[in-house]
C-alpha atoms as a PDB file:
ATOM      1  CA  MET A   1       0.000   0.000   0.000  1.00  0.00           C
ATOM      2  CA  LYS A   2       1.336   3.403  -1.000  1.00  0.00           C
ATOM      3  CA  LYS A   3       2.291   5.522   1.993  1.00  0.00           C
ATOM      4  CA  PRO A   4       0.478   8.834   2.359  1.00  0.00           C
ATOM      5  CA  ILE A   5       2.806  11.844   2.222  1.00  0.00           C
ATOM      6  CA  ILE A   6       2.714  14.706   4.701  1.00  0.00           C
ATOM      7  CA  GLY A   7       4.334  17.966   3.645  1.00  0.00           C
ATOM      8  CA  ILE A   8       5.625  20.317   6.341  1.00  0.00           C
ATOM      9  CA  LEU A   9       6.322  23.778   4.926  1.00  0.00           C
ATOM     10  CA  TYR A  10       8.479  26.264   6.818  1.00  0.00           C
ATOM     11  CA  ASP A  11       9.286  29.919   6.787  1.00  0.00           C
ATOM     12  CA  PHE A  12      12.947  30.430   7.789  1.00  0.00           C
ATOM     13  CA  ASP A  13      13.717  33.765   9.462  1.00  0.00           C
ATOM     14  CA  LYS A  14      12.501  33.797  13.082  1.00  0.00           C
ATOM     15  CA  THR A  15      10.688  30.521  12.455  1.00  0.00           C
ATOM     16  CA  LEU A  16      13.631  28.115  12.357  1.00  0.00           C
ATOM     17  CA  CYS A  17      16.435  30.577  13.064  1.00  0.00           C
ATOM     18  CA  THR A  18      16.428  33.243  15.755  1.00  0.00           C
ATOM     19  CA  ASP A  19      16.808  36.339  13.537  1.00  0.00           C
ATOM     20  CA  ASP A  20      16.838  37.446   9.906  1.00  0.00           C
ATOM     21  CA  MET A  21      19.388  35.279   8.095  1.00  0.00           C
ATOM     22  CA  GLN A  22      21.278  38.344   6.843  1.00  0.00           C
ATOM     23  CA  ALA A  23      21.845  39.571  10.407  1.00  0.00           C
ATOM     24  CA  TYR A  24      24.326  36.875  11.450  1.00  0.00           C
ATOM     25  CA  ASP A  25      27.233  37.478   9.047  1.00  0.00           C
ATOM     26  CA  LEU A  26      26.177  39.256   5.853  1.00  0.00           C
ATOM     27  CA  ILE A  27      25.150  42.635   7.257  1.00  0.00           C
ATOM     28  CA  PRO A  28      28.152  42.755   9.656  1.00  0.00           C
ATOM     29  CA  SER A  29      30.419  41.965   6.678  1.00  0.00           C
ATOM     30  CA  PHE A  30      29.118  45.202   5.137  1.00  0.00           C
ATOM     31  CA  GLY A  31      30.165  47.075   8.283  1.00  0.00           C
ATOM     32  CA  MET A  32      26.527  47.883   9.000  1.00  0.00           C
ATOM     33  CA  THR A  33      23.914  47.226  11.651  1.00  0.00           C
ATOM     34  CA  PRO A  34      20.623  45.533  10.734  1.00  0.00           C
ATOM     35  CA  ASP A  35      18.809  48.827  11.366  1.00  0.00           C
ATOM     36  CA  GLU A  36      21.076  50.584   8.877  1.00  0.00           C
ATOM     37  CA  PHE A  37      20.693  47.896   6.215  1.00  0.00           C
ATOM     38  CA  TRP A  38      16.911  47.616   6.477  1.00  0.00           C
ATOM     39  CA  GLY A  39      16.676  51.385   6.740  1.00  0.00           C
ATOM     40  CA  LEU A  40      18.417  51.701   3.352  1.00  0.00           C
ATOM     41  CA  THR A  41      16.058  49.060   1.971  1.00  0.00           C
ATOM     42  CA  GLN A  42      12.978  50.968   3.132  1.00  0.00           C
ATOM     43  CA  GLU A  43      14.433  54.244   1.854  1.00  0.00           C
ATOM     44  CA  PHE A  44      14.941  52.729  -1.613  1.00  0.00           C
ATOM     45  CA  THR A  45      11.396  51.340  -1.583  1.00  0.00           C
ATOM     46  CA  ASP A  46       9.894  54.657  -0.510  1.00  0.00           C
ATOM     47  CA  LYS A  47      11.890  56.721  -3.004  1.00  0.00           C
ATOM     48  CA  TYR A  48      11.412  54.580  -6.106  1.00  0.00           C
ATOM     49  CA  GLY A  49       8.333  52.472  -5.342  1.00  0.00           C
ATOM     50  CA  VAL A  50      10.290  49.238  -5.639  1.00  0.00           C
ATOM     51  CA  GLU A  51       8.767  46.137  -4.057  1.00  0.00           C
ATOM     52  CA  ARG A  52      10.504  45.625  -0.694  1.00  0.00           C
ATOM     53  CA  ILE A  53      11.962  42.184  -1.407  1.00  0.00           C
ATOM     54  CA  LEU A  54      13.456  43.447  -4.653  1.00  0.00           C
ATOM     55  CA  SER A  55      14.728  46.474  -2.732  1.00  0.00           C
ATOM     56  CA  TYR A  56      16.713  44.426  -0.224  1.00  0.00           C
ATOM     57  CA  MET A  57      18.241  42.339  -3.023  1.00  0.00           C
ATOM     58  CA  TYR A  58      19.260  45.565  -4.803  1.00  0.00           C
ATOM     59  CA  VAL A  59      20.708  47.035  -1.607  1.00  0.00           C
ATOM     60  CA  MET A  60      22.733  43.847  -1.081  1.00  0.00           C
ATOM     61  CA  VAL A  61      24.285  44.109  -4.528  1.00  0.00           C
ATOM     62  CA  LYS A  62      24.993  47.863  -4.418  1.00  0.00           C
ATOM     63  CA  THR A  63      26.352  47.762  -0.870  1.00  0.00           C
ATOM     64  CA  ALA A  64      28.717  44.922  -1.778  1.00  0.00           C
ATOM     65  CA  GLU A  65      29.907  46.889  -4.807  1.00  0.00           C
ATOM     66  CA  ASN A  66      30.522  49.996  -2.696  1.00  0.00           C
ATOM     67  CA  LYS A  67      32.424  47.972  -0.095  1.00  0.00           C
ATOM     68  CA  GLY A  68      34.552  46.134  -2.670  1.00  0.00           C
ATOM     69  CA  ILE A  69      33.012  42.767  -1.745  1.00  0.00           C
ATOM     70  CA  ALA A  70      32.594  40.130  -4.459  1.00  0.00           C
ATOM     71  CA  LEU A  71      29.040  38.967  -3.745  1.00  0.00           C
ATOM     72  CA  THR A  72      29.435  35.552  -5.356  1.00  0.00           C
ATOM     73  CA  ARG A  73      27.251  32.538  -4.645  1.00  0.00           C
ATOM     74  CA  GLU A  74      30.134  31.066  -2.648  1.00  0.00           C
ATOM     75  CA  TYR A  75      30.430  34.233  -0.554  1.00  0.00           C
ATOM     76  CA  LEU A  76      26.723  34.133   0.286  1.00  0.00           C
ATOM     77  CA  ASN A  77      26.931  30.411   1.100  1.00  0.00           C
ATOM     78  CA  LYS A  78      29.549  31.257   3.752  1.00  0.00           C
ATOM     79  CA  MET A  79      27.167  33.829   5.221  1.00  0.00           C
ATOM     80  CA  GLY A  80      24.916  30.927   6.269  1.00  0.00           C
ATOM     81  CA  GLU A  81      27.482  28.998   8.272  1.00  0.00           C
ATOM     82  CA  ASN A  82      26.887  30.752  11.610  1.00  0.00           C
ATOM     83  CA  ILE A  83      23.111  30.944  11.592  1.00  0.00           C
ATOM     84  CA  LYS A  84      21.684  30.182  15.023  1.00  0.00           C
ATOM     85  CA  PHE A  85      18.625  27.960  15.215  1.00  0.00           C
ATOM     86  CA  PHE A  86      15.977  27.600  17.853  1.00  0.00           C
ATOM     87  CA  ARG A  87      16.316  24.879  20.424  1.00  0.00           C
ATOM     88  CA  GLY A  88      15.690  21.403  18.988  1.00  0.00           C
ATOM     89  CA  VAL A  89      15.787  22.396  15.296  1.00  0.00           C
ATOM     90  CA  ARG A  90      18.929  20.426  14.449  1.00  0.00           C
ATOM     91  CA  ASN A  91      17.428  17.027  15.334  1.00  0.00           C
ATOM     92  CA  TRP A  92      13.803  17.962  14.592  1.00  0.00           C
ATOM     93  CA  PHE A  93      13.707  16.663  11.027  1.00  0.00           C
ATOM     94  CA  LYS A  94      15.107  13.198  11.789  1.00  0.00           C
ATOM     95  CA  ARG A  95      12.832  12.875  14.808  1.00  0.00           C
ATOM     96  CA  ILE A  96       9.683  13.837  12.919  1.00  0.00           C
ATOM     97  CA  ASN A  97      10.590  11.639   9.946  1.00  0.00           C
ATOM     98  CA  GLU A  98      11.057   8.643  12.232  1.00  0.00           C
ATOM     99  CA  TYR A  99       7.740   9.306  13.946  1.00  0.00           C
ATOM    100  CA  GLY A 100       6.016   9.362  10.577  1.00  0.00           C
ATOM    101  CA  GLU A 101       7.667   6.089   9.599  1.00  0.00           C
ATOM    102  CA  GLU A 102       6.369   4.475  12.804  1.00  0.00           C
ATOM    103  CA  LEU A 103       2.825   5.435  11.783  1.00  0.00           C
ATOM    104  CA  GLY A 104       3.201   4.357   8.166  1.00  0.00           C
ATOM    105  CA  VAL A 105       3.406   7.818   6.593  1.00  0.00           C
ATOM    106  CA  LYS A 106       6.186   9.650   4.804  1.00  0.00           C
ATOM    107  CA  VAL A 107       7.040  13.138   6.058  1.00  0.00           C
ATOM    108  CA  GLU A 108       8.686  15.627   3.690  1.00  0.00           C
ATOM    109  CA  HIS A 109      10.049  19.050   4.615  1.00  0.00           C
ATOM    110  CA  TYR A 110       9.952  22.129   2.350  1.00  0.00           C
ATOM    111  CA  LEU A 111      11.289  25.632   2.864  1.00  0.00           C
ATOM    112  CA  VAL A 112       9.438  28.695   1.532  1.00  0.00           C
ATOM    113  CA  SER A 113      11.294  31.898   2.378  1.00  0.00           C
ATOM    114  CA  SER A 114      11.619  35.517   1.307  1.00  0.00           C
ATOM    115  CA  GLY A 115      15.262  35.320   2.362  1.00  0.00           C
ATOM    116  CA  ASN A 116      18.293  34.389   0.254  1.00  0.00           C
ATOM    117  CA  LYS A 117      18.506  30.832  -1.046  1.00  0.00           C
ATOM    118  CA  GLU A 118      22.263  31.165  -1.332  1.00  0.00           C
ATOM    119  CA  ILE A 119      22.583  31.909   2.395  1.00  0.00           C
ATOM    120  CA  ILE A 120      20.194  29.078   3.287  1.00  0.00           C
ATOM    121  CA  ASP A 121      22.209  26.670   1.120  1.00  0.00           C
ATOM    122  CA  GLY A 122      25.213  27.367   3.315  1.00  0.00           C
ATOM    123  CA  CYS A 123      23.535  26.615   6.653  1.00  0.00           C
ATOM    124  CA  GLU A 124      23.760  23.330   8.526  1.00  0.00           C
ATOM    125  CA  ILE A 125      20.155  22.228   7.957  1.00  0.00           C
ATOM    126  CA  ALA A 126      20.058  22.949   4.203  1.00  0.00           C
ATOM    127  CA  ASP A 127      20.015  19.254   3.283  1.00  0.00           C
ATOM    128  CA  GLU A 128      16.914  18.524   5.383  1.00  0.00           C
ATOM    129  CA  PHE A 129      14.527  19.931   2.765  1.00  0.00           C
ATOM    130  CA  VAL A 130      13.129  18.193  -0.291  1.00  0.00           C
ATOM    131  CA  ALA A 131      13.112  21.625  -1.935  1.00  0.00           C
ATOM    132  CA  THR A 132      14.038  25.146  -0.902  1.00  0.00           C
ATOM    133  CA  PHE A 133      12.125  28.028  -2.457  1.00  0.00           C
ATOM    134  CA  ALA A 134      13.663  31.414  -1.720  1.00  0.00           C
ATOM    135  CA  CYS A 135      14.973  34.575  -3.365  1.00  0.00           C
ATOM    136  CA  GLU A 136      17.973  33.917  -5.583  1.00  0.00           C
ATOM    137  CA  PHE A 137      20.237  35.792  -7.983  1.00  0.00           C
ATOM    138  CA  TYR A 138      21.276  34.982 -11.532  1.00  0.00           C
ATOM    139  CA  TYR A 139      25.080  35.193 -11.686  1.00  0.00           C
ATOM    140  CA  SER A 140      27.239  36.256 -14.614  1.00  0.00           C
ATOM    141  CA  PRO A 141      29.083  33.231 -16.059  1.00  0.00           C
ATOM    142  CA  ASP A 142      32.077  35.522 -16.604  1.00  0.00           C
ATOM    143  CA  THR A 143      32.400  37.291 -13.253  1.00  0.00           C
ATOM    144  CA  GLY A 144      30.369  35.100 -10.907  1.00  0.00           C
ATOM    145  CA  LEU A 145      28.614  38.231  -9.640  1.00  0.00           C
ATOM    146  CA  PRO A 146      24.834  38.747  -9.413  1.00  0.00           C
ATOM    147  CA  VAL A 147      23.362  40.589 -12.378  1.00  0.00           C
ATOM    148  CA  TRP A 148      19.612  39.999 -12.006  1.00  0.00           C
ATOM    149  CA  PRO A 149      17.088  38.443  -9.605  1.00  0.00           C
ATOM    150  CA  LYS A 150      16.465  34.838 -10.621  1.00  0.00           C
ATOM    151  CA  THR A 151      13.658  34.203  -8.142  1.00  0.00           C
ATOM    152  CA  VAL A 152      11.793  36.640  -5.919  1.00  0.00           C
ATOM    153  CA  ILE A 153       9.354  35.456  -3.263  1.00  0.00           C
ATOM    154  CA  ASN A 154       7.364  38.069  -1.406  1.00  0.00           C
ATOM    155  CA  TYR A 155       4.706  37.327   1.162  1.00  0.00           C
ATOM    156  CA  THR A 156       1.799  36.742  -1.204  1.00  0.00           C
ATOM    157  CA  ALA A 157       3.984  34.903  -3.725  1.00  0.00           C
ATOM    158  CA  LYS A 158       4.564  32.260  -1.052  1.00  0.00           C
ATOM    159  CA  THR A 159       1.053  30.968  -1.711  1.00  0.00           C
ATOM    160  CA  GLN A 160       1.944  29.482  -5.118  1.00  0.00           C
ATOM    161  CA  TYR A 161       4.265  27.004  -3.390  1.00  0.00           C
ATOM    162  CA  PHE A 162       1.331  25.529  -1.494  1.00  0.00           C
ATOM    163  CA  PHE A 163      -0.064  24.427  -4.863  1.00  0.00           C
ATOM    164  CA  ARG A 164       3.327  23.467  -6.325  1.00  0.00           C
ATOM    165  CA  ILE A 165       4.205  21.248  -3.389  1.00  0.00           C
ATOM    166  CA  SER A 166       0.753  19.680  -3.318  1.00  0.00           C
ATOM    167  CA  LYS A 167       1.010  18.748  -7.006  1.00  0.00           C
ATOM    168  CA  GLY A 168       4.705  17.861  -6.911  1.00  0.00           C
ATOM    169  CA  ALA A 169       5.451  20.648  -9.431  1.00  0.00           C
ATOM    170  CA  LEU A 170       8.735  21.670  -7.827  1.00  0.00           C
ATOM    171  CA  ASP A 171      10.350  23.091 -10.958  1.00  0.00           C
ATOM    172  CA  THR A 172       9.548  26.804 -10.703  1.00  0.00           C
ATOM    173  CA  THR A 173       9.875  27.214 -14.480  1.00  0.00           C
ATOM    174  CA  ASP A 174       7.062  24.677 -14.971  1.00  0.00           C
ATOM    175  CA  ASP A 175       3.899  26.777 -15.143  1.00  0.00           C
ATOM    176  CA  GLU A 176       1.914  24.115 -17.000  1.00  0.00           C
ATOM    177  CA  THR A 177       1.885  21.463 -14.266  1.00  0.00           C
ATOM    178  CA  VAL A 178       1.153  23.867 -11.421  1.00  0.00           C
ATOM    179  CA  ASN A 179      -1.883  25.217 -13.294  1.00  0.00           C
ATOM    180  CA  LYS A 180      -3.158  21.872 -14.549  1.00  0.00           C
ATOM    181  CA  LYS A 181      -6.275  20.429 -12.943  1.00  0.00           C
ATOM    182  CA  VAL A 182      -5.461  17.138 -11.227  1.00  0.00           C
ATOM    183  CA  GLU A 183      -7.641  14.543  -9.525  1.00  0.00           C
ATOM    184  CA  ASP A 184      -4.916  12.903  -7.444  1.00  0.00           C
ATOM    185  CA  ARG A 185      -2.575  15.329  -5.716  1.00  0.00           C
ATOM    186  CA  ARG A 186       0.793  14.011  -4.587  1.00  0.00           C
ATOM    187  CA  ILE A 187       0.224  15.671  -1.197  1.00  0.00           C
ATOM    188  CA  PRO A 188      -3.461  16.388  -0.445  1.00  0.00           C
ATOM    189  CA  TYR A 189      -4.166  19.833   0.967  1.00  0.00           C
ATOM    190  CA  ARG A 190      -5.279  18.290   4.263  1.00  0.00           C
ATOM    191  CA  ASN A 191      -1.814  16.688   4.606  1.00  0.00           C
ATOM    192  CA  ILE A 192       0.029  20.012   4.567  1.00  0.00           C
ATOM    193  CA  ILE A 193       1.331  21.744   7.692  1.00  0.00           C
ATOM    194  CA  TYR A 194       2.748  25.279   7.591  1.00  0.00           C
ATOM    195  CA  LEU A 195       5.023  26.800  10.233  1.00  0.00           C
ATOM    196  CA  GLY A 196       5.647  30.555  10.239  1.00  0.00           C
ATOM    197  CA  ASP A 197       6.233  33.357  12.686  1.00  0.00           C
ATOM    198  CA  GLY A 198       3.836  36.161  11.919  1.00  0.00           C
ATOM    199  CA  VAL A 199       2.392  38.799   9.639  1.00  0.00           C
ATOM    200  CA  THR A 200       4.522  37.991   6.591  1.00  0.00           C
ATOM    201  CA  ASP A 201       3.149  34.441   6.603  1.00  0.00           C
ATOM    202  CA  ILE A 202      -0.532  35.342   6.880  1.00  0.00           C
ATOM    203  CA  PRO A 203      -1.541  34.753   3.209  1.00  0.00           C
ATOM    204  CA  ILE A 204      -0.138  31.225   3.074  1.00  0.00           C
ATOM    205  CA  MET A 205      -1.287  30.414   6.619  1.00  0.00           C
ATOM    206  CA  ILE A 206      -4.874  31.307   5.704  1.00  0.00           C
ATOM    207  CA  LEU A 207      -4.609  29.329   2.458  1.00  0.00           C
ATOM    208  CA  VAL A 208      -3.377  26.210   4.240  1.00  0.00           C
ATOM    209  CA  LYS A 209      -5.961  26.469   7.039  1.00  0.00           C
ATOM    210  CA  ASP A 210      -8.900  27.174   4.717  1.00  0.00           C
ATOM    211  CA  ASN A 211      -8.034  24.145   2.588  1.00  0.00           C
ATOM    212  CA  GLY A 212      -8.008  21.676   5.468  1.00  0.00           C
ATOM    213  CA  GLY A 213      -4.310  21.755   6.345  1.00  0.00           C
ATOM    214  CA  LYS A 214      -2.858  23.023   9.619  1.00  0.00           C
ATOM    215  CA  ALA A 215      -1.173  26.395  10.124  1.00  0.00           C
ATOM    216  CA  ILE A 216       1.043  26.906  13.159  1.00  0.00           C
ATOM    217  CA  ALA A 217       2.489  30.260  14.228  1.00  0.00           C
ATOM    218  CA  VAL A 218       5.639  30.058  16.339  1.00  0.00           C
ATOM    219  CA  TYR A 219       6.736  32.906  18.550  1.00  0.00           C
ATOM    220  CA  GLN A 220       9.512  34.374  20.622  1.00  0.00           C
ATOM    221  CA  GLU A 221       8.536  36.403  23.663  1.00  0.00           C
ATOM    222  CA  SER A 222       9.023  39.591  21.649  1.00  0.00           C
ATOM    223  CA  ASN A 223       6.195  38.762  19.227  1.00  0.00           C
ATOM    224  CA  HIS A 224       3.901  36.669  21.422  1.00  0.00           C
ATOM    225  CA  ASP A 225       1.067  39.213  21.403  1.00  0.00           C
ATOM    226  CA  LEU A 226       1.166  39.525  17.617  1.00  0.00           C
ATOM    227  CA  VAL A 227       1.034  35.765  17.144  1.00  0.00           C
ATOM    228  CA  ARG A 228      -1.751  35.396  19.685  1.00  0.00           C
ATOM    229  CA  LYS A 229      -3.782  37.885  17.637  1.00  0.00           C
ATOM    230  CA  LEU A 230      -3.391  35.587  14.601  1.00  0.00           C
ATOM    231  CA  TYR A 231      -4.980  32.791  16.616  1.00  0.00           C
ATOM    232  CA  GLU A 232      -7.763  34.989  17.960  1.00  0.00           C
ATOM    233  CA  ASP A 233      -8.534  36.130  14.404  1.00  0.00           C
ATOM    234  CA  GLU A 234      -8.714  32.446  13.352  1.00  0.00           C
ATOM    235  CA  ARG A 235      -5.881  32.790  10.869  1.00  0.00           C
ATOM    236  CA  VAL A 236      -3.931  29.856  12.328  1.00  0.00           C
ATOM    237  CA  ASN A 237      -4.855  26.582  13.995  1.00  0.00           C
ATOM    238  CA  PHE A 238      -2.211  26.716  16.726  1.00  0.00           C
ATOM    239  CA  ILE A 239       0.405  28.988  18.276  1.00  0.00           C
ATOM    240  CA  CYS A 240       3.522  27.609  19.957  1.00  0.00           C
ATOM    241  CA  LYS A 241       6.748  28.875  21.441  1.00  0.00           C
ATOM    242  CA  ALA A 242       9.612  28.517  18.943  1.00  0.00           C
ATOM    243  CA  ASP A 243      11.050  25.468  20.703  1.00  0.00           C
ATOM    244  CA  TYR A 244      11.470  22.335  18.598  1.00  0.00           C
ATOM    245  CA  SER A 245      12.714  20.124  21.443  1.00  0.00           C
ATOM    246  CA  SER A 246      11.533  16.551  21.848  1.00  0.00           C
ATOM    247  CA  GLY A 247       8.501  16.464  24.126  1.00  0.00           C
ATOM    248  CA  GLY A 248       7.864  20.195  23.782  1.00  0.00           C
ATOM    249  CA  GLU A 249       4.517  21.711  22.872  1.00  0.00           C
ATOM    250  CA  LEU A 250       5.365  22.130  19.173  1.00  0.00           C
ATOM    251  CA  ASP A 251       6.740  18.593  18.975  1.00  0.00           C
ATOM    252  CA  LYS A 252       3.541  17.205  20.525  1.00  0.00           C
ATOM    253  CA  ILE A 253       1.194  19.196  18.290  1.00  0.00           C
ATOM    254  CA  VAL A 254       2.939  18.264  15.041  1.00  0.00           C
ATOM    255  CA  LYS A 255       3.039  14.600  16.074  1.00  0.00           C
ATOM    256  CA  LEU A 256      -0.679  14.675  16.902  1.00  0.00           C
ATOM    257  CA  ILE A 257      -1.398  16.140  13.451  1.00  0.00           C
ATOM    258  CA  ILE A 258       0.696  13.405  11.831  1.00  0.00           C
ATOM    259  CA  GLN A 259      -1.137  10.801  13.903  1.00  0.00           C
ATOM    260  CA  GLU A 260      -4.517  12.209  12.858  1.00  0.00           C
ATOM    261  CA  ILE A 261      -3.554  12.059   9.175  1.00  0.00           C
ATOM    262  CA  ALA A 262      -2.221   8.504   9.522  1.00  0.00           C
ATOM    263  CA  VAL A 263      -5.376   7.258  11.274  1.00  0.00           C
ATOM    264  CA  SER A 264      -7.627   9.017   8.757  1.00  0.00           C
ATOM    265  CA  HIS A 265      -5.750   7.347   5.896  1.00  0.00           C
ATOM    266  CA  GLN A 266      -6.058   3.925   7.507  1.00  0.00           C
ATOM    267  CA  LEU A 267      -9.806   4.359   8.065  1.00  0.00           C
ATOM    268  CA  SER A 268     -10.396   5.476   4.482  1.00  0.00           C
ATOM    269  CA  LYS A 269      -8.539   2.428   3.181  1.00  0.00           C
ATOM    270  CA  LYS A 270     -10.648   0.125   5.360  1.00  0.00           C
ATOM    271  CA  GLN A 271     -13.830   1.751   4.091  1.00  0.00           C
ATOM    272  CA  GLU A 272     -12.676   1.276   0.496  1.00  0.00           C
ATOM    273  CA  LYS A 273     -12.108  -2.444   1.090  1.00  0.00           C
ATOM    274  CA  MET A 274     -15.480  -2.861   2.757  1.00  0.00           C
ATOM    275  CA  SER A 275     -17.262  -1.165  -0.138  1.00  0.00           C
ATOM    276  CA  GLN A 276     -15.662  -3.466  -2.756  1.00  0.00           C
END
């Protein structure tokens, strides 16, 4: 019998790691503070009406040029090496996968971020994901430097990856498959779990929740009130402290969701046999 697949989708900044990914090494390498970098980003957006995600990618490139830094893919990969993750994240994926196996389901992990894919690719959990969808540059074959955005994912654009992952259309250049009507989705909507940290995840959280999946907002003490408001407004199913430790609240909730999906699958199979 084919195992049902459960897809867990994650935001990255302040969901898995404790801060914006650029704050650990990239922004300090520019000789700037996060407030200065994001202030320049907002200034560029306000002055020229550029979408904010595109603005920060532009500011990265221009700041590196001004500082004499070669912003190659390899340089950005190194900027991911010192990212700090929340408690329990490093062994979370193996633990959840094994729990799924015990219940006869396959768990897959996907990352959907407005951060830099190149930085994520350099971090210690990069290999845990079936696919990573994030902002990325196209690099000149001659210089190795970024010359154009290859992929840009803002907060509403995250929603397309709900459909891509459900259908198994992971090639972002494949518009035909993601738009094609299908009867049998690789990962049913109800088998999708989304973990994010707040306002920037609201569109995809609502999409997941309204289609029968489960949306979970994780919080640090600094944004607890904001996340609680998401729950009160019925935009998420659960809120949990950003602690991925074994036996913690988040661990228990995700395992209960996996258990519910596994039991539901088993019951549906039994009903099919009885009706034959």
